[in-house]
């Protein structure tokens, strides 16, 4: 079972840089923390990506989400983000570096899809 993802869930790039979550909807929560819904994981800042060098660009922003939205569960018409989230970052090599859920930070609420 996949877990609902919320503001305090740990989402990282492949190099362990941390995504700064910002929920767009505040009224649905898990243990008092607002859940993330579709498009919340996109365009977010990534901090402390250690992947840098003369020809290497560290991950600084999340890009398009490939998978990770619920098929059935919605909040205010927006699909809930689930723990199988995966999307690209703007780091190098382009089109290969992803952001994923490291820790959902909650074990109470889940969904099959």
PDB file of N, CA and C in Angstrom:
ATOM      1  N   UNK A   1       0.834  -1.184   0.000  1.00  0.00           N
ATOM      2  CA  UNK A   1       0.000   0.000   0.000  1.00  0.00           C
ATOM      3  C   UNK A   1       0.880   1.250   0.000  1.00  0.00           C
ATOM      4  N   UNK A   2       0.499   2.215  -0.804  1.00  0.00           N
ATOM      5  CA  UNK A   2       1.236   3.474  -0.874  1.00  0.00           C
ATOM      6  C   UNK A   2       0.699   4.446   0.175  1.00  0.00           C
ATOM      7  N   UNK A   3       1.572   5.237   0.744  1.00  0.00           N
ATOM      8  CA  UNK A   3       1.191   6.209   1.771  1.00  0.00           C
ATOM      9  C   UNK A   3       0.920   7.576   1.158  1.00  0.00           C
ATOM     10  N   UNK A   4      -0.005   8.317   1.776  1.00  0.00           N
ATOM     11  CA  UNK A   4      -0.239   9.718   1.396  1.00  0.00           C
ATOM     12  C   UNK A   4       1.000  10.513   1.773  1.00  0.00           C
ATOM     13  N   UNK A   5       1.337  11.478   0.951  1.00  0.00           N
ATOM     14  CA  UNK A   5       2.502  12.320   1.187  1.00  0.00           C
ATOM     15  C   UNK A   5       2.026  13.685   1.674  1.00  0.00           C
ATOM     16  N   UNK A   6       2.724  14.214   2.694  1.00  0.00           N
ATOM     17  CA  UNK A   6       2.329  15.521   3.238  1.00  0.00           C
ATOM     18  C   UNK A   6       3.538  16.455   3.345  1.00  0.00           C
ATOM     19  N   UNK A   7       3.311  17.620   3.883  1.00  0.00           N
ATOM     20  CA  UNK A   7       4.345  18.663   3.954  1.00  0.00           C
ATOM     21  C   UNK A   7       5.635  18.177   4.607  1.00  0.00           C
ATOM     22  N   UNK A   8       5.545  17.309   5.607  1.00  0.00           N
ATOM     23  CA  UNK A   8       6.729  16.867   6.347  1.00  0.00           C
ATOM     24  C   UNK A   8       7.364  15.592   5.797  1.00  0.00           C
ATOM     25  N   UNK A   9       6.800  15.035   4.729  1.00  0.00           N
ATOM     26  CA  UNK A   9       7.408  13.860   4.096  1.00  0.00           C
ATOM     27  C   UNK A   9       8.764  14.243   3.521  1.00  0.00           C
ATOM     28  N   UNK A  10       9.677  13.295   3.513  1.00  0.00           N
ATOM     29  CA  UNK A  10      11.027  13.556   3.007  1.00  0.00           C
ATOM     30  C   UNK A  10      11.095  13.119   1.542  1.00  0.00           C
ATOM     31  N   UNK A  11      11.257  14.108   0.665  1.00  0.00           N
ATOM     32  CA  UNK A  11      11.434  13.876  -0.759  1.00  0.00           C
ATOM     33  C   UNK A  11      12.829  14.376  -1.106  1.00  0.00           C
ATOM     34  N   UNK A  12      13.622  13.534  -1.788  1.00  0.00           N
ATOM     35  CA  UNK A  12      15.001  13.898  -2.105  1.00  0.00           C
ATOM     36  C   UNK A  12      15.302  13.649  -3.580  1.00  0.00           C
ATOM     37  N   UNK A  13      16.346  14.335  -4.067  1.00  0.00           N
ATOM     38  CA  UNK A  13      16.873  14.017  -5.392  1.00  0.00           C
ATOM     39  C   UNK A  13      17.734  12.759  -5.258  1.00  0.00           C
ATOM     40  N   UNK A  14      18.196  12.231  -6.380  1.00  0.00           N
ATOM     41  CA  UNK A  14      19.021  11.014  -6.362  1.00  0.00           C
ATOM     42  C   UNK A  14      20.325  11.201  -5.586  1.00  0.00           C
ATOM     43  N   UNK A  15      20.737  12.446  -5.396  1.00  0.00           N
ATOM     44  CA  UNK A  15      21.997  12.724  -4.694  1.00  0.00           C
ATOM     45  C   UNK A  15      21.788  13.088  -3.223  1.00  0.00           C
ATOM     46  N   UNK A  16      20.565  12.997  -2.733  1.00  0.00           N
ATOM     47  CA  UNK A  16      20.174  13.280  -1.347  1.00  0.00           C
ATOM     48  C   UNK A  16      19.924  14.752  -1.032  1.00  0.00           C
ATOM     49  N   UNK A  17      19.799  15.595  -2.051  1.00  0.00           N
ATOM     50  CA  UNK A  17      19.339  16.958  -1.805  1.00  0.00           C
ATOM     51  C   UNK A  17      17.874  16.910  -1.401  1.00  0.00           C
ATOM     52  N   UNK A  18      17.446  17.788  -0.520  1.00  0.00           N
ATOM     53  CA  UNK A  18      16.087  17.726   0.022  1.00  0.00           C
ATOM     54  C   UNK A  18      15.142  18.713  -0.659  1.00  0.00           C
ATOM     55  N   UNK A  19      13.956  18.212  -1.019  1.00  0.00           N
ATOM     56  CA  UNK A  19      12.916  19.037  -1.644  1.00  0.00           C
ATOM     57  C   UNK A  19      12.156  19.795  -0.561  1.00  0.00           C
ATOM     58  N   UNK A  20      11.941  21.081  -0.785  1.00  0.00           N
ATOM     59  CA  UNK A  20      11.140  21.898   0.135  1.00  0.00           C
ATOM     60  C   UNK A  20       9.673  21.787  -0.278  1.00  0.00           C
ATOM     61  N   UNK A  21       8.915  21.013   0.497  1.00  0.00           N
ATOM     62  CA  UNK A  21       7.491  20.792   0.193  1.00  0.00           C
ATOM     63  C   UNK A  21       6.659  22.016   0.552  1.00  0.00           C
ATOM     64  N   UNK A  22       5.706  22.363  -0.320  1.00  0.00           N
ATOM     65  CA  UNK A  22       4.760  23.447  -0.054  1.00  0.00           C
ATOM     66  C   UNK A  22       3.379  22.993  -0.508  1.00  0.00           C
ATOM     67  N   UNK A  23       2.517  22.600   0.414  1.00  0.00           N
ATOM     68  CA  UNK A  23       1.173  22.175   0.033  1.00  0.00           C
ATOM     69  C   UNK A  23       0.324  23.361  -0.438  1.00  0.00           C
ATOM     70  N   UNK A  24      -0.420  23.149  -1.521  1.00  0.00           N
ATOM     71  CA  UNK A  24      -1.287  24.205  -2.043  1.00  0.00           C
ATOM     72  C   UNK A  24      -2.661  24.201  -1.373  1.00  0.00           C
ATOM     73  N   UNK A  25      -3.034  23.100  -0.773  1.00  0.00           N
ATOM     74  CA  UNK A  25      -4.308  22.982  -0.055  1.00  0.00           C
ATOM     75  C   UNK A  25      -3.984  22.719   1.401  1.00  0.00           C
ATOM     76  N   UNK A  26      -4.637  23.422   2.308  1.00  0.00           N
ATOM     77  CA  UNK A  26      -4.322  23.307   3.734  1.00  0.00           C
ATOM     78  C   UNK A  26      -5.386  22.564   4.537  1.00  0.00           C
ATOM     79  N   UNK A  27      -6.545  22.330   3.974  1.00  0.00           N
ATOM     80  CA  UNK A  27      -7.671  21.856   4.784  1.00  0.00           C
ATOM     81  C   UNK A  27      -7.772  20.350   4.942  1.00  0.00           C
ATOM     82  N   UNK A  28      -6.993  19.548   4.178  1.00  0.00           N
ATOM     83  CA  UNK A  28      -6.952  18.108   4.409  1.00  0.00           C
ATOM     84  C   UNK A  28      -5.580  17.786   4.965  1.00  0.00           C
ATOM     85  N   UNK A  29      -5.578  17.133   6.145  1.00  0.00           N
ATOM     86  CA  UNK A  29      -4.320  16.865   6.830  1.00  0.00           C
ATOM     87  C   UNK A  29      -4.213  15.404   7.256  1.00  0.00           C
ATOM     88  N   UNK A  30      -2.980  14.973   7.494  1.00  0.00           N
ATOM     89  CA  UNK A  30      -2.693  13.682   8.120  1.00  0.00           C
ATOM     90  C   UNK A  30      -1.920  14.032   9.384  1.00  0.00           C
ATOM     91  N   UNK A  31      -2.454  13.657  10.505  1.00  0.00           N
ATOM     92  CA  UNK A  31      -1.893  14.012  11.821  1.00  0.00           C
ATOM     93  C   UNK A  31      -1.615  15.509  11.928  1.00  0.00           C
ATOM     94  N   UNK A  32      -2.510  16.302  11.377  1.00  0.00           N
ATOM     95  CA  UNK A  32      -2.409  17.755  11.472  1.00  0.00           C
ATOM     96  C   UNK A  32      -1.490  18.416  10.460  1.00  0.00           C
ATOM     97  N   UNK A  33      -0.935  17.649   9.543  1.00  0.00           N
ATOM     98  CA  UNK A  33       0.000  18.185   8.537  1.00  0.00           C
ATOM     99  C   UNK A  33      -0.681  18.139   7.166  1.00  0.00           C
ATOM    100  N   UNK A  34      -0.719  19.259   6.422  1.00  0.00           N
ATOM    101  CA  UNK A  34      -1.400  19.299   5.126  1.00  0.00           C
ATOM    102  C   UNK A  34      -0.793  18.325   4.108  1.00  0.00           C
ATOM    103  N   UNK A  35      -1.680  17.631   3.368  1.00  0.00           N
ATOM    104  CA  UNK A  35      -1.246  16.685   2.341  1.00  0.00           C
ATOM    105  C   UNK A  35      -0.846  17.425   1.075  1.00  0.00           C
ATOM    106  N   UNK A  36      -0.040  16.756   0.241  1.00  0.00           N
ATOM    107  CA  UNK A  36       0.332  17.293  -1.062  1.00  0.00           C
ATOM    108  C   UNK A  36      -0.620  16.753  -2.118  1.00  0.00           C
ATOM    109  N   UNK A  37      -0.958  17.587  -3.079  1.00  0.00           N
ATOM    110  CA  UNK A  37      -1.832  17.199  -4.180  1.00  0.00           C
ATOM    111  C   UNK A  37      -1.146  17.538  -5.500  1.00  0.00           C
ATOM    112  N   UNK A  38      -1.801  17.132  -6.630  1.00  0.00           N
ATOM    113  CA  UNK A  38      -1.115  17.335  -7.903  1.00  0.00           C
ATOM    114  C   UNK A  38      -0.786  18.788  -8.181  1.00  0.00           C
ATOM    115  N   UNK A  39       0.297  18.841  -8.652  1.00  0.00           N
ATOM    116  CA  UNK A  39       1.304  19.801  -9.020  1.00  0.00           C
ATOM    117  C   UNK A  39       2.089  20.355  -7.838  1.00  0.00           C
ATOM    118  N   UNK A  40       1.758  19.985  -6.591  1.00  0.00           N
ATOM    119  CA  UNK A  40       2.569  20.445  -5.448  1.00  0.00           C
ATOM    120  C   UNK A  40       4.039  20.022  -5.550  1.00  0.00           C
ATOM    121  N   UNK A  41       4.376  18.794  -6.030  1.00  0.00           N
ATOM    122  CA  UNK A  41       5.793  18.408  -6.071  1.00  0.00           C
ATOM    123  C   UNK A  41       6.595  19.062  -7.205  1.00  0.00           C
ATOM    124  N   UNK A  42       5.945  19.725  -8.142  1.00  0.00           N
ATOM    125  CA  UNK A  42       6.636  20.301  -9.290  1.00  0.00           C
ATOM    126  C   UNK A  42       7.055  21.748  -9.025  1.00  0.00           C
ATOM    127  N   UNK A  43       8.232  22.109  -9.517  1.00  0.00           N
ATOM    128  CA  UNK A  43       8.717  23.474  -9.380  1.00  0.00           C
ATOM    129  C   UNK A  43       9.152  23.843  -7.977  1.00  0.00           C
ATOM    130  N   UNK A  44       9.509  22.854  -7.180  1.00  0.00           N
ATOM    131  CA  UNK A  44       9.933  23.106  -5.803  1.00  0.00           C
ATOM    132  C   UNK A  44      11.454  23.170  -5.706  1.00  0.00           C
ATOM    133  N   UNK A  45      11.920  23.941  -4.745  1.00  0.00           N
ATOM    134  CA  UNK A  45      13.351  24.110  -4.509  1.00  0.00           C
ATOM    135  C   UNK A  45      13.948  22.848  -3.894  1.00  0.00           C
ATOM    136  N   UNK A  46      15.136  22.496  -4.369  1.00  0.00           N
ATOM    137  CA  UNK A  46      15.917  21.403  -3.779  1.00  0.00           C
ATOM    138  C   UNK A  46      17.139  22.042  -3.134  1.00  0.00           C
ATOM    139  N   UNK A  47      17.351  21.733  -1.852  1.00  0.00           N
ATOM    140  CA  UNK A  47      18.494  22.309  -1.133  1.00  0.00           C
ATOM    141  C   UNK A  47      19.512  21.226  -0.796  1.00  0.00           C
ATOM    142  N   UNK A  48      20.774  21.628  -0.731  1.00  0.00           N
ATOM    143  CA  UNK A  48      21.885  20.793  -0.271  1.00  0.00           C
ATOM    144  C   UNK A  48      22.197  19.605  -1.174  1.00  0.00           C
ATOM    145  N   UNK A  49      21.936  19.730  -2.489  1.00  0.00           N
ATOM    146  CA  UNK A  49      22.360  18.675  -3.408  1.00  0.00           C
ATOM    147  C   UNK A  49      23.882  18.726  -3.510  1.00  0.00           C
ATOM    148  N   UNK A  50      24.556  17.630  -3.176  1.00  0.00           N
ATOM    149  CA  UNK A  50      26.022  17.631  -3.177  1.00  0.00           C
ATOM    150  C   UNK A  50      26.638  17.378  -4.551  1.00  0.00           C
ATOM    151  N   UNK A  51      25.822  17.212  -5.571  1.00  0.00           N
ATOM    152  CA  UNK A  51      26.311  16.889  -6.914  1.00  0.00           C
ATOM    153  C   UNK A  51      26.703  18.172  -7.651  1.00  0.00           C
ATOM    154  N   UNK A  52      27.962  18.562  -7.535  1.00  0.00           N
ATOM    155  CA  UNK A  52      28.413  19.772  -8.233  1.00  0.00           C
ATOM    156  C   UNK A  52      29.883  19.640  -8.610  1.00  0.00           C
ATOM    157  N   UNK A  53      30.278  20.435  -9.566  1.00  0.00           N
ATOM    158  CA  UNK A  53      31.655  20.435 -10.038  1.00  0.00           C
ATOM    159  C   UNK A  53      31.759  21.322 -11.259  1.00  0.00           C
ATOM    160  N   UNK A  54      32.930  21.343 -11.917  1.00  0.00           N
ATOM    161  CA  UNK A  54      33.141  22.236 -13.054  1.00  0.00           C
ATOM    162  C   UNK A  54      32.126  22.067 -14.188  1.00  0.00           C
ATOM    163  N   UNK A  55      31.731  20.848 -14.489  1.00  0.00           N
ATOM    164  CA  UNK A  55      30.761  20.610 -15.573  1.00  0.00           C
ATOM    165  C   UNK A  55      29.495  19.941 -15.065  1.00  0.00           C
ATOM    166  N   UNK A  56      29.286  19.967 -13.763  1.00  0.00           N
ATOM    167  CA  UNK A  56      28.132  19.296 -13.152  1.00  0.00           C
ATOM    168  C   UNK A  56      27.241  20.325 -12.476  1.00  0.00           C
ATOM    169  N   UNK A  57      25.945  20.270 -12.798  1.00  0.00           N
ATOM    170  CA  UNK A  57      24.967  21.176 -12.190  1.00  0.00           C
ATOM    171  C   UNK A  57      24.227  20.431 -11.082  1.00  0.00           C
ATOM    172  N   UNK A  58      24.228  20.953  -9.861  1.00  0.00           N
ATOM    173  CA  UNK A  58      23.474  20.303  -8.786  1.00  0.00           C
ATOM    174  C   UNK A  58      21.963  20.444  -9.020  1.00  0.00           C
ATOM    175  N   UNK A  59      21.206  19.591  -8.393  1.00  0.00           N
ATOM    176  CA  UNK A  59      19.747  19.682  -8.453  1.00  0.00           C
ATOM    177  C   UNK A  59      19.309  20.880  -7.607  1.00  0.00           C
ATOM    178  N   UNK A  60      18.558  21.787  -8.202  1.00  0.00           N
ATOM    179  CA  UNK A  60      18.057  22.946  -7.467  1.00  0.00           C
ATOM    180  C   UNK A  60      16.548  23.080  -7.566  1.00  0.00           C
ATOM    181  N   UNK A  61      15.920  22.286  -8.468  1.00  0.00           N
ATOM    182  CA  UNK A  61      14.469  22.405  -8.641  1.00  0.00           C
ATOM    183  C   UNK A  61      13.887  21.088  -9.159  1.00  0.00           C
ATOM    184  N   UNK A  62      12.681  20.776  -8.693  1.00  0.00           N
ATOM    185  CA  UNK A  62      11.966  19.617  -9.214  1.00  0.00           C
ATOM    186  C   UNK A  62      11.290  19.999 -10.528  1.00  0.00           C
ATOM    187  N   UNK A  63      11.205  19.023 -11.418  1.00  0.00           N
ATOM    188  CA  UNK A  63      10.537  19.233 -12.704  1.00  0.00           C
ATOM    189  C   UNK A  63       9.299  18.333 -12.765  1.00  0.00           C
ATOM    190  N   UNK A  64       8.923  17.916 -13.931  1.00  0.00           N
ATOM    191  CA  UNK A  64       7.708  17.149 -14.172  1.00  0.00           C
ATOM    192  C   UNK A  64       7.644  15.848 -13.370  1.00  0.00           C
ATOM    193  N   UNK A  65       6.488  15.592 -12.783  1.00  0.00           N
ATOM    194  CA  UNK A  65       6.240  14.333 -12.081  1.00  0.00           C
ATOM    195  C   UNK A  65       5.862  13.275 -13.114  1.00  0.00           C
ATOM    196  N   UNK A  66       6.536  12.128 -13.058  1.00  0.00           N
ATOM    197  CA  UNK A  66       6.235  11.026 -13.981  1.00  0.00           C
ATOM    198  C   UNK A  66       5.143  10.121 -13.429  1.00  0.00           C
ATOM    199  N   UNK A  67       5.247   9.755 -12.152  1.00  0.00           N
ATOM    200  CA  UNK A  67       4.250   8.923 -11.474  1.00  0.00           C
ATOM    201  C   UNK A  67       4.134   9.397 -10.037  1.00  0.00           C
ATOM    202  N   UNK A  68       3.013   9.057  -9.388  1.00  0.00           N
ATOM    203  CA  UNK A  68       2.886   9.368  -7.973  1.00  0.00           C
ATOM    204  C   UNK A  68       1.596  10.017  -7.555  1.00  0.00           C
ATOM    205  N   UNK A  69       0.677  10.205  -8.501  1.00  0.00           N
ATOM    206  CA  UNK A  69      -0.623  10.774  -8.153  1.00  0.00           C
ATOM    207  C   UNK A  69      -1.661   9.665  -8.052  1.00  0.00           C
ATOM    208  N   UNK A  70      -2.559   9.784  -7.078  1.00  0.00           N
ATOM    209  CA  UNK A  70      -3.625   8.797  -6.912  1.00  0.00           C
ATOM    210  C   UNK A  70      -4.559   8.819  -8.120  1.00  0.00           C
ATOM    211  N   UNK A  71      -5.003   7.640  -8.505  1.00  0.00           N
ATOM    212  CA  UNK A  71      -5.974   7.527  -9.590  1.00  0.00           C
ATOM    213  C   UNK A  71      -7.361   7.909  -9.101  1.00  0.00           C
ATOM    214  N   UNK A  72      -7.666   7.598  -7.833  1.00  0.00           N
ATOM    215  CA  UNK A  72      -9.028   7.747  -7.327  1.00  0.00           C
ATOM    216  C   UNK A  72      -9.212   8.853  -6.288  1.00  0.00           C
ATOM    217  N   UNK A  73      -8.224   9.089  -5.438  1.00  0.00           N
ATOM    218  CA  UNK A  73      -8.410   9.994  -4.305  1.00  0.00           C
ATOM    219  C   UNK A  73      -8.036  11.425  -4.698  1.00  0.00           C
ATOM    220  N   UNK A  74      -8.979  12.351  -4.440  1.00  0.00           N
ATOM    221  CA  UNK A  74      -8.764  13.755  -4.791  1.00  0.00           C
ATOM    222  C   UNK A  74      -9.122  14.671  -3.629  1.00  0.00           C
ATOM    223  N   UNK A  75      -8.471  15.819  -3.596  1.00  0.00           N
ATOM    224  CA  UNK A  75      -8.767  16.868  -2.634  1.00  0.00           C
ATOM    225  C   UNK A  75      -9.075  18.112  -3.454  1.00  0.00           C
ATOM    226  N   UNK A  76     -10.305  18.597  -3.344  1.00  0.00           N
ATOM    227  CA  UNK A  76     -10.698  19.796  -4.080  1.00  0.00           C
ATOM    228  C   UNK A  76     -10.426  19.646  -5.576  1.00  0.00           C
ATOM    229  N   UNK A  77     -10.639  18.423  -6.096  1.00  0.00           N
ATOM    230  CA  UNK A  77     -10.439  18.145  -7.513  1.00  0.00           C
ATOM    231  C   UNK A  77      -9.017  17.816  -7.914  1.00  0.00           C
ATOM    232  N   UNK A  78      -8.066  17.877  -6.985  1.00  0.00           N
ATOM    233  CA  UNK A  78      -6.657  17.599  -7.273  1.00  0.00           C
ATOM    234  C   UNK A  78      -6.270  16.230  -6.732  1.00  0.00           C
ATOM    235  N   UNK A  79      -5.547  15.451  -7.521  1.00  0.00           N
ATOM    236  CA  UNK A  79      -5.120  14.107  -7.118  1.00  0.00           C
ATOM    237  C   UNK A  79      -4.121  14.170  -5.960  1.00  0.00           C
ATOM    238  N   UNK A  80      -4.287  13.285  -4.990  1.00  0.00           N
ATOM    239  CA  UNK A  80      -3.400  13.193  -3.832  1.00  0.00           C
ATOM    240  C   UNK A  80      -2.065  12.583  -4.265  1.00  0.00           C
ATOM    241  N   UNK A  81      -0.970  13.082  -3.698  1.00  0.00           N
ATOM    242  CA  UNK A  81       0.368  12.538  -3.963  1.00  0.00           C
ATOM    243  C   UNK A  81       0.589  11.312  -3.083  1.00  0.00           C
ATOM    244  N   UNK A  82       1.103  10.243  -3.696  1.00  0.00           N
ATOM    245  CA  UNK A  82       1.356   9.001  -2.974  1.00  0.00           C
ATOM    246  C   UNK A  82       2.857   8.691  -2.964  1.00  0.00           C
ATOM    247  N   UNK A  83       3.236   7.730  -2.129  1.00  0.00           N
ATOM    248  CA  UNK A  83       4.653   7.463  -1.851  1.00  0.00           C
ATOM    249  C   UNK A  83       5.438   6.859  -3.011  1.00  0.00           C
ATOM    250  N   UNK A  84       4.784   6.498  -4.113  1.00  0.00           N
ATOM    251  CA  UNK A  84       5.534   6.005  -5.276  1.00  0.00           C
ATOM    252  C   UNK A  84       5.918   7.157  -6.209  1.00  0.00           C
ATOM    253  N   UNK A  85       5.834   8.388  -5.712  1.00  0.00           N
ATOM    254  CA  UNK A  85       6.184   9.593  -6.458  1.00  0.00           C
ATOM    255  C   UNK A  85       7.571   9.484  -7.095  1.00  0.00           C
ATOM    256  N   UNK A  86       7.638   9.869  -8.366  1.00  0.00           N
ATOM    257  CA  UNK A  86       8.920   9.980  -9.053  1.00  0.00           C
ATOM    258  C   UNK A  86       8.798  11.033 -10.136  1.00  0.00           C
ATOM    259  N   UNK A  87       9.761  11.936 -10.166  1.00  0.00           N
ATOM    260  CA  UNK A  87       9.794  12.968 -11.198  1.00  0.00           C
ATOM    261  C   UNK A  87      11.227  13.393 -11.439  1.00  0.00           C
ATOM    262  N   UNK A  88      11.428  14.234 -12.438  1.00  0.00           N
ATOM    263  CA  UNK A  88      12.768  14.679 -12.789  1.00  0.00           C
ATOM    264  C   UNK A  88      13.187  15.899 -11.987  1.00  0.00           C
ATOM    265  N   UNK A  89      14.504  16.154 -11.979  1.00  0.00           N
ATOM    266  CA  UNK A  89      15.067  17.385 -11.414  1.00  0.00           C
ATOM    267  C   UNK A  89      15.826  18.092 -12.537  1.00  0.00           C
ATOM    268  N   UNK A  90      16.318  19.287 -12.246  1.00  0.00           N
ATOM    269  CA  UNK A  90      17.091  20.037 -13.232  1.00  0.00           C
ATOM    270  C   UNK A  90      18.596  19.788 -13.115  1.00  0.00           C
ATOM    271  N   UNK A  91      18.990  18.770 -12.354  1.00  0.00           N
ATOM    272  CA  UNK A  91      20.412  18.453 -12.184  1.00  0.00           C
ATOM    273  C   UNK A  91      20.981  17.690 -13.365  1.00  0.00           C
ATOM    274  N   UNK A  92      22.316  17.506 -13.354  1.00  0.00           N
ATOM    275  CA  UNK A  92      22.957  16.760 -14.429  1.00  0.00           C
ATOM    276  C   UNK A  92      23.206  15.320 -13.991  1.00  0.00           C
ATOM    277  N   UNK A  93      23.119  14.373 -14.925  1.00  0.00           N
ATOM    278  CA  UNK A  93      22.835  14.551 -16.333  1.00  0.00           C
ATOM    279  C   UNK A  93      21.348  14.812 -16.589  1.00  0.00           C
ATOM    280  N   UNK A  94      21.036  15.740 -17.519  1.00  0.00           N
ATOM    281  CA  UNK A  94      19.639  16.100 -17.801  1.00  0.00           C
ATOM    282  C   UNK A  94      18.800  14.888 -18.216  1.00  0.00           C
ATOM    283  N   UNK A  95      17.576  14.842 -17.703  1.00  0.00           N
ATOM    284  CA  UNK A  95      16.654  13.771 -18.056  1.00  0.00           C
ATOM    285  C   UNK A  95      16.919  12.447 -17.382  1.00  0.00           C
ATOM    286  N   UNK A  96      17.869  12.402 -16.471  1.00  0.00           N
ATOM    287  CA  UNK A  96      18.186  11.146 -15.782  1.00  0.00           C
ATOM    288  C   UNK A  96      18.049  11.235 -14.276  1.00  0.00           C
ATOM    289  N   UNK A  97      18.178  12.418 -13.698  1.00  0.00           N
ATOM    290  CA  UNK A  97      18.147  12.571 -12.239  1.00  0.00           C
ATOM    291  C   UNK A  97      16.703  12.768 -11.792  1.00  0.00           C
ATOM    292  N   UNK A  98      16.306  12.007 -10.777  1.00  0.00           N
ATOM    293  CA  UNK A  98      14.916  12.056 -10.321  1.00  0.00           C
ATOM    294  C   UNK A  98      14.815  12.517  -8.870  1.00  0.00           C
ATOM    295  N   UNK A  99      13.569  12.844  -8.495  1.00  0.00           N
ATOM    296  CA  UNK A  99      13.251  13.069  -7.084  1.00  0.00           C
ATOM    297  C   UNK A  99      12.220  12.018  -6.692  1.00  0.00           C
ATOM    298  N   UNK A 100      12.384  11.454  -5.493  1.00  0.00           N
ATOM    299  CA  UNK A 100      11.519  10.390  -5.002  1.00  0.00           C
ATOM    300  C   UNK A 100      11.285  10.566  -3.504  1.00  0.00           C
ATOM    301  N   UNK A 101      10.337   9.816  -2.979  1.00  0.00           N
ATOM    302  CA  UNK A 101      10.023   9.864  -1.550  1.00  0.00           C
ATOM    303  C   UNK A 101      11.005   8.971  -0.803  1.00  0.00           C
ATOM    304  N   UNK A 102      11.726   9.550   0.121  1.00  0.00           N
ATOM    305  CA  UNK A 102      12.640   8.795   0.974  1.00  0.00           C
ATOM    306  C   UNK A 102      11.880   8.265   2.188  1.00  0.00           C
ATOM    307  N   UNK A 103      10.990   9.119   2.759  1.00  0.00           N
ATOM    308  CA  UNK A 103      10.238   8.746   3.960  1.00  0.00           C
ATOM    309  C   UNK A 103       8.893   9.465   3.934  1.00  0.00           C
ATOM    310  N   UNK A 104       7.781   8.725   3.895  1.00  0.00           N
ATOM    311  CA  UNK A 104       6.472   9.373   3.895  1.00  0.00           C
ATOM    312  C   UNK A 104       6.175  10.137   5.187  1.00  0.00           C
ATOM    313  N   UNK A 105       6.896   9.822   6.254  1.00  0.00           N
ATOM    314  CA  UNK A 105       6.755  10.473   7.563  1.00  0.00           C
ATOM    315  C   UNK A 105       5.371  10.303   8.169  1.00  0.00           C
ATOM    316  N   UNK A 106       4.661   9.288   7.726  1.00  0.00           N
ATOM    317  CA  UNK A 106       3.390   8.932   8.356  1.00  0.00           C
ATOM    318  C   UNK A 106       3.062   7.505   7.935  1.00  0.00           C
ATOM    319  N   UNK A 107       2.475   6.753   8.849  1.00  0.00           N
ATOM    320  CA  UNK A 107       2.111   5.373   8.579  1.00  0.00           C
ATOM    321  C   UNK A 107       0.640   5.093   8.775  1.00  0.00           C
ATOM    322  N   UNK A 108      -0.162   6.165   8.814  1.00  0.00           N
ATOM    323  CA  UNK A 108      -1.583   6.007   9.127  1.00  0.00           C
ATOM    324  C   UNK A 108      -2.466   5.891   7.901  1.00  0.00           C
ATOM    325  N   UNK A 109      -2.205   6.680   6.876  1.00  0.00           N
ATOM    326  CA  UNK A 109      -3.132   6.806   5.755  1.00  0.00           C
ATOM    327  C   UNK A 109      -2.475   6.358   4.472  1.00  0.00           C
ATOM    328  N   UNK A 110      -3.126   5.397   3.776  1.00  0.00           N
ATOM    329  CA  UNK A 110      -2.590   4.890   2.531  1.00  0.00           C
ATOM    330  C   UNK A 110      -3.677   4.693   1.510  1.00  0.00           C
ATOM    331  N   UNK A 111      -3.267   4.355   0.302  1.00  0.00           N
ATOM    332  CA  UNK A 111      -4.189   4.083  -0.801  1.00  0.00           C
ATOM    333  C   UNK A 111      -3.534   3.075  -1.732  1.00  0.00           C
ATOM    334  N   UNK A 112      -4.364   2.277  -2.401  1.00  0.00           N
ATOM    335  CA  UNK A 112      -3.843   1.303  -3.362  1.00  0.00           C
ATOM    336  C   UNK A 112      -3.467   1.989  -4.669  1.00  0.00           C
ATOM    337  N   UNK A 113      -4.233   3.032  -5.045  1.00  0.00           N
ATOM    338  CA  UNK A 113      -3.941   3.759  -6.278  1.00  0.00           C
ATOM    339  C   UNK A 113      -4.365   5.180  -6.141  1.00  0.00           C
TER     340      UNK A 113
END
